[in-house]
C-alpha cells in the first residue's frame, strides 16, 4: 500500500455525504426514538439536531417517556 499524496488528501479518499444518505440515517434515527417509546408525532415535529442528541442518550429518552406516562396517569 502506498503512502503518497493521494492517501494523505482526505477529500480525495473519503466520499462526500449524499443527501440520500443523510435522509436514510435521519429516518433510521427517528425510527429508533419511536422504538424507545416516544410518539411518532412528537418525533416528527423534532429537528434533526434534537433527534441526533436524543439517539445518543437512550436512557434519557426512556426517563422522559416514563415521566410523561406518569403525568398522563395522574
Protein backbone atom coordinates (compact mmCIF):
# COMPACT_ATOMS: atom_id res chain seq x y z
CA UNK A 1 0.00 0.00 0.00
CA UNK A 2 1.34 3.41 -0.93
CA UNK A 3 1.83 6.42 1.28
CA UNK A 4 1.72 9.02 -1.45
CA UNK A 5 -0.10 12.32 -1.73
CA UNK A 6 -3.38 10.73 -2.79
CA UNK A 7 -3.82 8.93 0.52
CA UNK A 8 -2.85 11.98 2.60
CA UNK A 9 -5.50 14.20 0.98
CA UNK A 10 -8.66 13.19 2.76
CA UNK A 11 -11.08 14.94 0.45
CA UNK A 12 -9.93 12.74 -2.43
CA UNK A 13 -10.13 9.50 -0.47
CA UNK A 14 -13.21 9.90 1.66
CA UNK A 15 -16.55 10.13 -0.16
CA UNK A 16 -18.86 13.10 0.41
CA UNK A 17 -22.10 12.69 2.33
CA UNK A 18 -25.01 12.48 -0.08
CA UNK A 19 -28.45 13.92 0.67
CA UNK A 20 -29.95 10.45 0.25
CA UNK A 21 -27.52 9.01 2.79
CA UNK A 22 -28.33 11.78 5.27
CA UNK A 23 -32.06 11.22 4.83
CA UNK A 24 -31.65 7.46 5.32
CA UNK A 25 -29.68 7.98 8.52
CA UNK A 26 -32.17 10.53 9.83
CA UNK A 27 -35.09 8.19 9.13
CA UNK A 28 -33.34 5.34 10.97
CA UNK A 29 -32.64 7.60 13.97
CA UNK A 30 -36.25 8.74 14.12
CA UNK A 31 -37.42 5.10 14.00
CA UNK A 32 -35.04 4.30 16.86
CA UNK A 33 -36.59 7.05 19.01
CA UNK A 34 -40.05 5.63 18.33
CA UNK A 35 -38.79 2.21 19.45
CA UNK A 36 -37.55 3.81 22.68
CA UNK A 37 -41.15 4.80 23.39
CA UNK A 38 -41.61 8.31 22.05
CA UNK A 39 -44.71 9.02 19.97
CA UNK A 40 -44.28 9.21 16.20
CA UNK A 41 -45.94 12.65 16.06
CA UNK A 42 -43.56 14.00 18.69
CA UNK A 43 -40.51 12.67 16.84
CA UNK A 44 -41.77 14.02 13.50
CA UNK A 45 -42.04 17.52 14.98
CA UNK A 46 -38.42 17.47 16.23
CA UNK A 47 -35.48 18.91 14.35
CA UNK A 48 -32.60 16.79 13.06
CA UNK A 49 -30.17 18.01 15.72
CA UNK A 50 -32.57 17.22 18.58
CA UNK A 51 -33.07 13.72 17.18
CA UNK A 52 -29.32 13.15 16.97
CA UNK A 53 -28.78 14.25 20.58
CA UNK A 54 -31.56 12.03 21.94
CA UNK A 55 -30.47 8.96 19.98
CA UNK A 56 -27.07 9.22 21.67
CA UNK A 57 -28.72 9.05 25.12
CA UNK A 58 -31.33 6.26 25.15
CA UNK A 59 -31.62 6.17 28.95
CA UNK A 60 -32.56 9.86 28.96
CA UNK A 61 -35.27 9.18 26.36
CA UNK A 62 -36.70 6.32 28.43
CA UNK A 63 -36.78 8.57 31.51
CA UNK A 64 -38.60 11.32 29.57
CA UNK A 65 -41.16 8.82 28.27
CA UNK A 66 -41.71 7.40 31.76
CA UNK A 67 -42.17 10.92 33.18
CA UNK A 68 -44.77 11.77 30.51
CA UNK A 69 -46.58 8.48 31.11
CA UNK A 70 -46.70 9.17 34.85
CA UNK A 71 -48.09 12.65 34.19
CA UNK A 72 -50.85 11.22 31.97
CA UNK A 73 -51.75 8.58 34.56
CA UNK A 74 -52.33 11.21 37.27
